[in-house]
Amino acid sequence: MKHFALIVRTAAAWGFTLLLVFPLIWLVLTAFKTEQQAISIPPQLFFTPTMESFAEVNTRSDYLQYAKNSVITSVLSTVLGLLIAAPAAYSMAFFRTSKTRDILMWMLSTKMMPAVGALVPIYVMAQTAGLLDSLTALVIVFTLSNLPIMVWMLYSGLKDIPPDILEAARMDGATLWDEFTQVIRPLAMGTLASTGLLCLVLSWNEAFWSLNLSAAKAGTLAALIASYSSPEGLFWAKLSAASLMAIAPIVVVGWFSQKQLVQGLTFGAVK
């Protein structure tokens, strides 16, 4: 009976995994098809791969420009977010007040509001400041949208550091800056790295703000993908090729840093 239950659980796990991976597999297959093969019914599972769609994407669009914009906005928003979130999490972790928990819950509650609810005021402010279709606007919005998650992750990691270590540093005459840079930072490097990696992924994948606040000049890879949806219809092969070219860099980064990502997501889960 136990052996049968193990077989069922294993089969269910494999089935669930294939269900999650199937869209990515289909995306890869479609990217190497022609447009006729991509829309054929029934779908063609066996075909001669072609790079036609990738060549079309490179010819029609400046892929490197879109990729550069994605790299700039993702990296700068992550760095700026860490510079803001780290001191905030540090103060809430080691100088707690009766309102600390309320502040954290309020910050988290801001993520529950649909982004479209804030679109009009943010769009008007960006337009008034002359920041529409600029990397500056995207960096600011990406940073602000990721701040609640960054503060929560850093807070969860920092509060697990024994306060006795800080007390010993203070007795040795360490200033607040010394305490943060020489004691907390080395102990929290794993937390900082995992938080930065997660927010880098979130910023890279951000599509809503990219499509609404940017155009040709500051468009990210999300804008490149959206450009293959036109009034004439969807170009499935080219859309898949553009999507594959957009997600490939961040998939590679996530694959090699999955240990740090999992560590950051599980900080404070076990006491």
Protein backbone atom coordinates (compact mmCIF):
# COMPACT_ATOMS: atom_id res chain seq x y z
CA MET A 1 0.00 0.00 0.00
CA LYS A 2 2.82 2.36 0.88
CA HIS A 3 4.58 1.48 -2.39
CA PHE A 4 1.41 2.25 -4.35
CA ALA A 5 1.00 5.60 -2.54
CA LEU A 6 4.62 6.47 -3.39
CA ILE A 7 4.00 5.70 -7.07
CA VAL A 8 0.87 7.88 -7.08
CA ARG A 9 2.68 10.80 -5.41
CA THR A 10 5.60 10.51 -7.82
CA ALA A 11 3.28 10.39 -10.85
CA ALA A 12 1.34 13.37 -9.51
CA ALA A 13 4.56 15.33 -8.97
CA TRP A 14 5.75 14.60 -12.50
CA GLY A 15 2.35 15.48 -13.94
CA PHE A 16 2.25 18.79 -12.06
CA THR A 17 5.81 19.59 -13.17
CA LEU A 18 5.01 18.87 -16.82
CA LEU A 19 1.90 21.04 -16.52
CA LEU A 20 4.04 23.95 -15.34
CA VAL A 21 6.81 23.42 -17.88
CA PHE A 22 4.56 22.71 -20.88
CA PRO A 23 3.97 26.42 -21.80
CA LEU A 24 7.74 27.01 -21.88
CA ILE A 25 8.29 23.90 -24.01
CA TRP A 26 5.56 25.02 -26.41
CA LEU A 27 7.08 28.50 -26.56
CA VAL A 28 10.47 27.07 -27.53
CA LEU A 29 8.96 24.81 -30.19
CA THR A 30 6.88 27.62 -31.71
CA ALA A 31 9.88 29.97 -31.83
CA PHE A 32 11.62 27.59 -34.25
CA LYS A 33 8.63 27.22 -36.56
CA THR A 34 7.49 29.26 -39.54
CA GLU A 35 4.30 31.30 -39.20
CA GLN A 36 2.39 28.72 -41.24
CA GLN A 37 3.61 25.89 -39.01
CA ALA A 38 2.86 27.88 -35.85
CA ILE A 39 -0.84 28.28 -36.68
CA SER A 40 -1.38 24.90 -38.30
CA ILE A 41 -4.23 22.70 -37.00
CA PRO A 42 -3.55 20.12 -35.73
CA PRO A 43 -0.29 21.44 -34.25
CA GLN A 44 2.90 20.13 -35.83
CA LEU A 45 5.06 18.37 -33.25
CA PHE A 46 7.63 17.23 -35.79
CA PHE A 47 9.09 19.84 -38.11
CA THR A 48 12.36 21.18 -39.46
CA PRO A 49 13.58 23.92 -37.09
CA THR A 50 14.25 27.31 -38.61
CA MET A 51 15.81 30.54 -37.34
CA GLU A 52 13.56 32.61 -39.59
CA SER A 53 11.60 34.19 -36.72
CA PHE A 54 14.74 35.13 -34.77
CA ALA A 55 16.23 36.75 -37.86
CA GLU A 56 12.98 38.65 -38.42
CA VAL A 57 12.98 39.93 -34.83
CA ASN A 58 16.57 41.14 -35.15
CA THR A 59 15.86 42.76 -38.52
CA ARG A 60 12.57 44.44 -37.62
CA SER A 61 13.46 45.50 -34.05
CA ASP A 62 16.60 46.68 -32.31
CA TYR A 63 16.78 43.80 -29.83
CA LEU A 64 19.99 45.03 -28.22
CA GLN A 65 18.44 48.43 -27.47
CA TYR A 66 15.43 46.84 -25.77
CA ALA A 67 17.71 44.46 -23.88
CA LYS A 68 19.94 47.33 -22.77
CA ASN A 69 16.92 49.22 -21.45
CA SER A 70 15.83 46.13 -19.51
CA VAL A 71 19.30 45.70 -18.01
CA ILE A 72 19.56 49.38 -17.02
CA THR A 73 16.11 49.60 -15.44
CA SER A 74 16.41 46.26 -13.63
CA VAL A 75 19.89 46.82 -12.23
CA LEU A 76 19.40 50.47 -11.24
CA SER A 77 16.01 49.84 -9.62
CA THR A 78 17.47 46.91 -7.67
CA VAL A 79 20.48 48.88 -6.44
CA LEU A 80 18.38 51.92 -5.55
CA GLY A 81 15.85 49.72 -3.80
CA LEU A 82 18.55 48.05 -1.69
CA LEU A 83 19.97 51.44 -0.71
CA ILE A 84 16.54 52.47 0.58
CA ALA A 85 15.27 49.16 1.94
CA ALA A 86 18.41 48.10 3.85
CA PRO A 87 18.44 51.04 6.31
CA ALA A 88 14.66 50.79 6.71
CA ALA A 89 14.78 47.08 7.48
CA TYR A 90 17.78 47.60 9.78
CA SER A 91 15.99 50.21 11.87
CA MET A 92 12.82 48.11 12.13
CA ALA A 93 14.74 44.94 13.00
CA PHE A 94 16.99 46.37 15.72
CA PHE A 95 15.10 49.46 16.90
CA ARG A 96 11.57 48.11 17.08
CA THR A 97 8.67 50.15 18.35
CA SER A 98 5.04 49.33 19.03
CA LYS A 99 4.22 50.50 15.48
CA THR A 100 6.85 48.47 13.63
CA ARG A 101 4.50 45.60 12.84
CA ASP A 102 1.78 47.99 11.72
CA ILE A 103 4.18 49.76 9.36
CA LEU A 104 5.29 46.46 7.84
CA MET A 105 1.69 45.36 7.33
CA TRP A 106 0.82 48.70 5.76
CA MET A 107 3.76 48.42 3.36
CA LEU A 108 2.71 44.90 2.39
CA SER A 109 -0.90 46.01 1.90
CA THR A 110 0.20 48.42 -0.84
CA LYS A 111 1.09 45.39 -3.00
CA MET A 112 -2.54 44.25 -2.84
CA MET A 113 -3.78 47.24 -4.82
CA PRO A 114 -4.07 46.57 -8.57
CA ALA A 115 -1.42 48.49 -10.49
CA VAL A 116 -4.05 49.90 -12.81
CA GLY A 117 -5.53 51.77 -9.85
CA ALA A 118 -2.41 53.93 -9.64
CA LEU A 119 -1.85 54.27 -13.39
CA VAL A 120 -3.58 57.62 -13.96
CA PRO A 121 -1.86 59.60 -11.15
CA ILE A 122 1.55 58.12 -11.92
CA TYR A 123 1.11 58.74 -15.64
CA VAL A 124 0.08 62.37 -14.99
CA MET A 125 3.05 62.93 -12.65
CA ALA A 126 5.47 61.44 -15.19
CA GLN A 127 3.97 63.57 -17.95
CA THR A 128 4.16 66.73 -15.83
CA ALA A 129 7.79 66.00 -14.94
CA GLY A 130 8.66 65.28 -18.58
CA LEU A 131 9.62 61.70 -17.77
CA LEU A 132 7.33 59.80 -20.12
CA ASP A 133 9.21 57.31 -22.28
CA SER A 134 12.32 57.67 -20.13
CA LEU A 135 14.41 55.15 -18.23
CA THR A 136 14.28 57.43 -15.18
CA ALA A 137 10.52 57.02 -14.82
CA LEU A 138 10.75 53.23 -15.14
CA VAL A 139 13.57 53.01 -12.59
CA ILE A 140 11.60 55.07 -10.07
CA VAL A 141 8.38 53.09 -10.55
CA PHE A 142 10.15 49.70 -10.47
CA THR A 143 11.95 50.71 -7.27
CA LEU A 144 8.80 51.87 -5.52
CA SER A 145 6.79 48.82 -6.58
CA ASN A 146 9.45 46.43 -5.23
CA LEU A 147 10.25 48.29 -2.00
CA PRO A 148 7.64 46.53 0.20
CA ILE A 149 8.95 43.10 -0.79
CA MET A 150 12.57 44.19 -0.32
CA VAL A 151 11.92 45.63 3.15
CA TRP A 152 10.04 42.52 4.24
CA MET A 153 12.73 40.13 3.00
CA LEU A 154 15.56 42.13 4.56
CA TYR A 155 13.63 42.55 7.80
CA SER A 156 13.01 38.78 8.00
CA GLY A 157 16.72 38.07 7.57
CA LEU A 158 18.07 40.82 9.83
CA LYS A 159 15.81 40.11 12.80
CA ASP A 160 17.30 36.61 13.04
CA ILE A 161 20.75 38.06 13.77
CA PRO A 162 21.42 37.78 17.55
CA PRO A 163 21.26 41.24 19.15
CA ASP A 164 24.14 40.24 21.46
CA ILE A 165 26.51 40.70 18.53
CA LEU A 166 25.44 44.32 18.16
CA GLU A 167 25.69 44.95 21.90
CA ALA A 168 29.25 43.62 21.88
CA ALA A 169 30.12 45.92 18.98
CA ARG A 170 28.64 48.91 20.80
CA MET A 171 30.63 48.09 23.93
CA ASP A 172 33.76 48.15 21.78
CA GLY A 173 32.87 51.69 20.67
CA ALA A 174 31.37 50.96 17.26
CA THR A 175 29.34 53.79 15.79
CA LEU A 176 26.00 53.26 14.06
CA TRP A 177 27.75 53.32 10.68
CA ASP A 178 30.42 50.85 11.86
CA GLU A 179 27.70 48.62 13.25
CA PHE A 180 25.84 48.58 9.95
CA THR A 181 28.82 48.24 7.60
CA GLN A 182 31.21 46.05 9.60
CA VAL A 183 28.87 43.86 11.63
CA ILE A 184 25.47 43.67 9.95
CA ARG A 185 26.54 43.76 6.30
CA PRO A 186 28.87 40.71 6.41
CA LEU A 187 26.29 38.67 8.35
CA ALA A 188 23.47 39.69 6.01
CA MET A 189 25.20 39.25 2.64
CA GLY A 190 23.06 36.20 1.86
CA THR A 191 19.90 38.14 2.63
CA LEU A 192 21.02 41.13 0.58
CA ALA A 193 22.01 38.93 -2.37
CA SER A 194 18.77 36.94 -2.44
CA THR A 195 16.66 40.09 -2.08
CA GLY A 196 18.54 41.78 -4.89
CA LEU A 197 18.23 38.75 -7.17
CA LEU A 198 14.49 38.41 -6.60
CA CYS A 199 13.83 42.08 -7.26
CA LEU A 200 16.07 41.96 -10.33
CA VAL A 201 13.83 39.19 -11.69
CA LEU A 202 10.65 41.12 -10.80
CA SER A 203 11.92 44.27 -12.50
CA TRP A 204 13.04 42.37 -15.59
CA ASN A 205 9.61 40.74 -15.94
CA GLU A 206 7.63 43.92 -15.27
CA ALA A 207 5.34 44.56 -18.22
CA PHE A 208 2.44 46.74 -17.05
CA TRP A 209 4.45 49.87 -16.26
CA SER A 210 6.84 49.32 -19.16
CA LEU A 211 3.99 49.27 -21.67
CA ASN A 212 2.17 52.27 -20.18
CA LEU A 213 5.08 54.59 -19.38
CA SER A 214 7.44 53.94 -22.28
CA ALA A 215 7.47 53.72 -26.07
CA ALA A 216 10.26 53.29 -28.60
CA LYS A 217 12.92 55.24 -26.71
CA ALA A 218 12.78 53.60 -23.28
CA GLY A 219 10.93 50.41 -24.17
CA THR A 220 12.07 47.24 -22.41
CA LEU A 221 11.88 43.69 -23.70
CA ALA A 222 8.23 43.59 -22.60
CA ALA A 223 7.54 46.31 -25.19
CA LEU A 224 9.41 44.28 -27.80
CA ILE A 225 7.16 41.29 -27.16
CA ALA A 226 4.01 43.42 -27.26
CA SER A 227 5.03 44.89 -30.62
CA TYR A 228 4.25 41.55 -32.29
CA SER A 229 0.57 41.90 -31.43
CA SER A 230 -0.99 44.03 -34.15
CA PRO A 231 -4.47 44.81 -35.58
CA GLU A 232 -3.70 42.31 -38.32
CA GLY A 233 -3.39 39.55 -35.72
CA LEU A 234 -0.75 37.77 -33.70
CA PHE A 235 2.45 36.60 -35.34
CA TRP A 236 2.84 33.50 -33.18
CA ALA A 237 6.27 32.37 -34.37
CA LYS A 238 7.80 35.84 -34.14
CA LEU A 239 6.03 36.49 -30.82
CA SER A 240 7.47 33.26 -29.43
CA ALA A 241 10.94 34.07 -30.73
CA ALA A 242 10.84 37.55 -29.15
CA SER A 243 9.55 36.08 -25.89
CA LEU A 244 12.29 33.46 -25.83
CA MET A 245 14.95 36.10 -26.46
CA ALA A 246 13.47 38.19 -23.65
CA ILE A 247 13.26 35.52 -20.98
CA ALA A 248 16.47 33.63 -21.81
CA PRO A 249 18.87 35.99 -19.93
CA ILE A 250 16.82 36.09 -16.73
CA VAL A 251 16.17 32.34 -16.84
CA VAL A 252 19.93 31.74 -16.94
CA VAL A 253 20.46 34.14 -14.02
CA GLY A 254 17.66 32.49 -12.04
CA TRP A 255 18.98 29.00 -12.75
CA PHE A 256 22.46 29.75 -11.43
CA SER A 257 21.17 31.71 -8.41
CA GLN A 258 18.20 29.51 -7.43
CA LYS A 259 19.86 28.56 -4.13
CA GLN A 260 20.07 32.21 -3.06
CA LEU A 261 16.50 32.88 -4.24
CA VAL A 262 15.07 29.98 -2.23
CA GLN A 263 17.13 30.99 0.79
CA GLY A 264 15.79 34.54 0.65
CA LEU A 265 12.17 33.41 0.27
CA THR A 266 12.43 31.10 3.31
CA PHE A 267 14.22 33.44 5.73
CA GLY A 268 12.42 33.44 9.05
CA ALA A 269 10.11 30.55 8.04
CA VAL A 270 11.59 28.15 10.60
CA LYS A 271 12.21 29.08 14.19
